[in-house]
Amino acid sequence: KGRMRRGHYGTSVLASMECPHCHELKLPHRVCPHCGYYNGMEIVSVSKEEE
């Protein structure tokens, strides 16, 4: 009976969107981990070795 009352404990799926600069998937409202761009500006410089 205890497990029947815990239906709201489920996890939700994280939303993802396409980066307009490099077209990789990223989390919304976050800097793209692949290219380092956010809102059309380079925020984090990503070296080619990390890619």
N, C-alpha and C. Protein backbone atom coordinates (compact mmCIF):
# COMPACT_ATOMS: atom_id res chain seq x y z
N LYS A 1 0.82 -1.20 0.00
CA LYS A 1 0.00 0.00 0.00
C LYS A 1 0.87 1.26 0.00
N GLY A 2 2.02 1.20 0.63
CA GLY A 2 2.84 2.39 0.74
C GLY A 2 3.31 2.90 -0.61
N ARG A 3 3.67 2.01 -1.51
CA ARG A 3 4.16 2.42 -2.83
C ARG A 3 3.04 3.00 -3.68
N MET A 4 1.83 2.69 -3.39
CA MET A 4 0.71 3.18 -4.18
C MET A 4 0.50 4.68 -3.95
N ARG A 5 0.94 5.21 -2.83
CA ARG A 5 0.73 6.62 -2.51
C ARG A 5 1.88 7.50 -3.01
N ARG A 6 2.85 6.92 -3.69
CA ARG A 6 4.03 7.69 -4.10
C ARG A 6 4.09 7.87 -5.62
N GLY A 7 2.97 8.06 -6.23
CA GLY A 7 2.93 8.26 -7.68
C GLY A 7 3.52 9.59 -8.12
N HIS A 8 3.56 10.56 -7.25
CA HIS A 8 4.09 11.88 -7.61
C HIS A 8 5.60 11.98 -7.43
N TYR A 9 6.27 10.90 -7.04
CA TYR A 9 7.71 10.91 -6.84
C TYR A 9 8.48 10.67 -8.14
N GLY A 10 7.82 10.49 -9.24
CA GLY A 10 8.50 10.17 -10.49
C GLY A 10 9.39 11.29 -10.98
N THR A 11 10.37 10.95 -11.79
CA THR A 11 11.28 11.95 -12.33
C THR A 11 10.72 12.50 -13.64
N SER A 12 11.09 13.71 -13.94
CA SER A 12 10.65 14.33 -15.19
C SER A 12 11.80 14.31 -16.19
N VAL A 13 11.46 14.37 -17.46
CA VAL A 13 12.45 14.37 -18.52
C VAL A 13 12.99 15.78 -18.68
N LEU A 14 14.31 15.92 -18.77
CA LEU A 14 14.92 17.23 -18.94
C LEU A 14 14.64 17.74 -20.35
N ALA A 15 14.26 18.99 -20.44
CA ALA A 15 14.03 19.61 -21.74
C ALA A 15 15.37 19.93 -22.39
N SER A 16 15.44 19.79 -23.69
CA SER A 16 16.65 20.14 -24.41
C SER A 16 16.26 20.88 -25.68
N MET A 17 17.16 21.71 -26.13
CA MET A 17 16.91 22.47 -27.35
C MET A 17 18.18 22.47 -28.19
N GLU A 18 18.04 22.89 -29.44
CA GLU A 18 19.17 22.92 -30.35
C GLU A 18 19.89 24.26 -30.22
N CYS A 19 21.19 24.20 -30.13
CA CYS A 19 22.00 25.42 -30.07
C CYS A 19 21.93 26.10 -31.43
N PRO A 20 21.59 27.39 -31.49
CA PRO A 20 21.52 28.06 -32.79
C PRO A 20 22.88 28.28 -33.44
N HIS A 21 23.95 28.16 -32.67
CA HIS A 21 25.29 28.40 -33.22
C HIS A 21 25.91 27.12 -33.79
N CYS A 22 25.89 26.02 -33.02
CA CYS A 22 26.55 24.78 -33.47
C CYS A 22 25.57 23.65 -33.73
N HIS A 23 24.30 23.84 -33.44
CA HIS A 23 23.23 22.88 -33.70
C HIS A 23 23.36 21.58 -32.90
N GLU A 24 24.04 21.63 -31.77
CA GLU A 24 24.09 20.49 -30.84
C GLU A 24 22.99 20.68 -29.80
N LEU A 25 22.62 19.60 -29.12
CA LEU A 25 21.60 19.70 -28.08
C LEU A 25 22.21 20.30 -26.81
N LYS A 26 21.44 21.17 -26.16
CA LYS A 26 21.88 21.80 -24.92
C LYS A 26 20.66 22.05 -24.06
N LEU A 27 20.89 22.34 -22.78
CA LEU A 27 19.80 22.70 -21.88
C LEU A 27 19.38 24.14 -22.14
N PRO A 28 18.09 24.43 -22.06
CA PRO A 28 17.65 25.81 -22.30
C PRO A 28 18.15 26.76 -21.21
N HIS A 29 18.42 28.00 -21.59
CA HIS A 29 18.90 29.06 -20.69
C HIS A 29 20.25 28.72 -20.08
N ARG A 30 21.07 27.96 -20.78
CA ARG A 30 22.41 27.60 -20.33
C ARG A 30 23.40 27.84 -21.47
N VAL A 31 24.67 28.02 -21.13
CA VAL A 31 25.72 28.13 -22.14
C VAL A 31 25.89 26.76 -22.80
N CYS A 32 26.07 26.76 -24.11
CA CYS A 32 26.26 25.50 -24.83
C CYS A 32 27.60 24.89 -24.43
N PRO A 33 27.63 23.64 -23.99
CA PRO A 33 28.91 23.03 -23.59
C PRO A 33 29.80 22.69 -24.78
N HIS A 34 29.25 22.67 -25.99
CA HIS A 34 30.03 22.29 -27.16
C HIS A 34 30.77 23.48 -27.78
N CYS A 35 30.08 24.63 -27.87
CA CYS A 35 30.71 25.78 -28.52
C CYS A 35 30.94 26.95 -27.57
N GLY A 36 30.28 26.98 -26.41
CA GLY A 36 30.49 28.04 -25.44
C GLY A 36 29.69 29.30 -25.70
N TYR A 37 28.72 29.25 -26.61
CA TYR A 37 27.93 30.43 -26.94
C TYR A 37 26.63 30.45 -26.17
N TYR A 38 26.16 31.66 -25.84
CA TYR A 38 24.84 31.87 -25.25
C TYR A 38 24.33 33.21 -25.75
N ASN A 39 23.14 33.22 -26.29
CA ASN A 39 22.48 34.44 -26.77
C ASN A 39 23.33 35.17 -27.82
N GLY A 40 23.99 34.40 -28.69
CA GLY A 40 24.76 34.98 -29.78
C GLY A 40 26.14 35.48 -29.40
N MET A 41 26.55 35.32 -28.14
CA MET A 41 27.86 35.78 -27.70
C MET A 41 28.65 34.61 -27.15
N GLU A 42 29.97 34.64 -27.37
CA GLU A 42 30.83 33.60 -26.81
C GLU A 42 31.08 33.93 -25.35
N ILE A 43 30.59 33.08 -24.47
CA ILE A 43 30.73 33.28 -23.03
C ILE A 43 31.92 32.51 -22.49
N VAL A 44 32.07 31.27 -22.93
CA VAL A 44 33.15 30.40 -22.48
C VAL A 44 33.96 30.00 -23.71
N SER A 45 35.27 30.19 -23.67
CA SER A 45 36.10 29.76 -24.79
C SER A 45 36.38 28.27 -24.64
N VAL A 46 36.00 27.50 -25.66
CA VAL A 46 36.17 26.05 -25.65
C VAL A 46 37.30 25.72 -26.61
N SER A 47 38.30 25.00 -26.12
CA SER A 47 39.42 24.63 -26.97
C SER A 47 39.03 23.45 -27.85
N LYS A 48 39.74 23.28 -28.94
CA LYS A 48 39.46 22.19 -29.88
C LYS A 48 39.79 20.83 -29.28
N GLU A 49 40.71 20.77 -28.30
CA GLU A 49 41.08 19.50 -27.68
C GLU A 49 39.95 18.91 -26.88
N GLU A 50 39.10 19.77 -26.27
CA GLU A 50 38.00 19.28 -25.46
C GLU A 50 36.88 18.70 -26.31
N GLU A 51 36.75 19.19 -27.54
CA GLU A 51 35.69 18.68 -28.42
C GLU A 51 36.10 17.34 -28.92
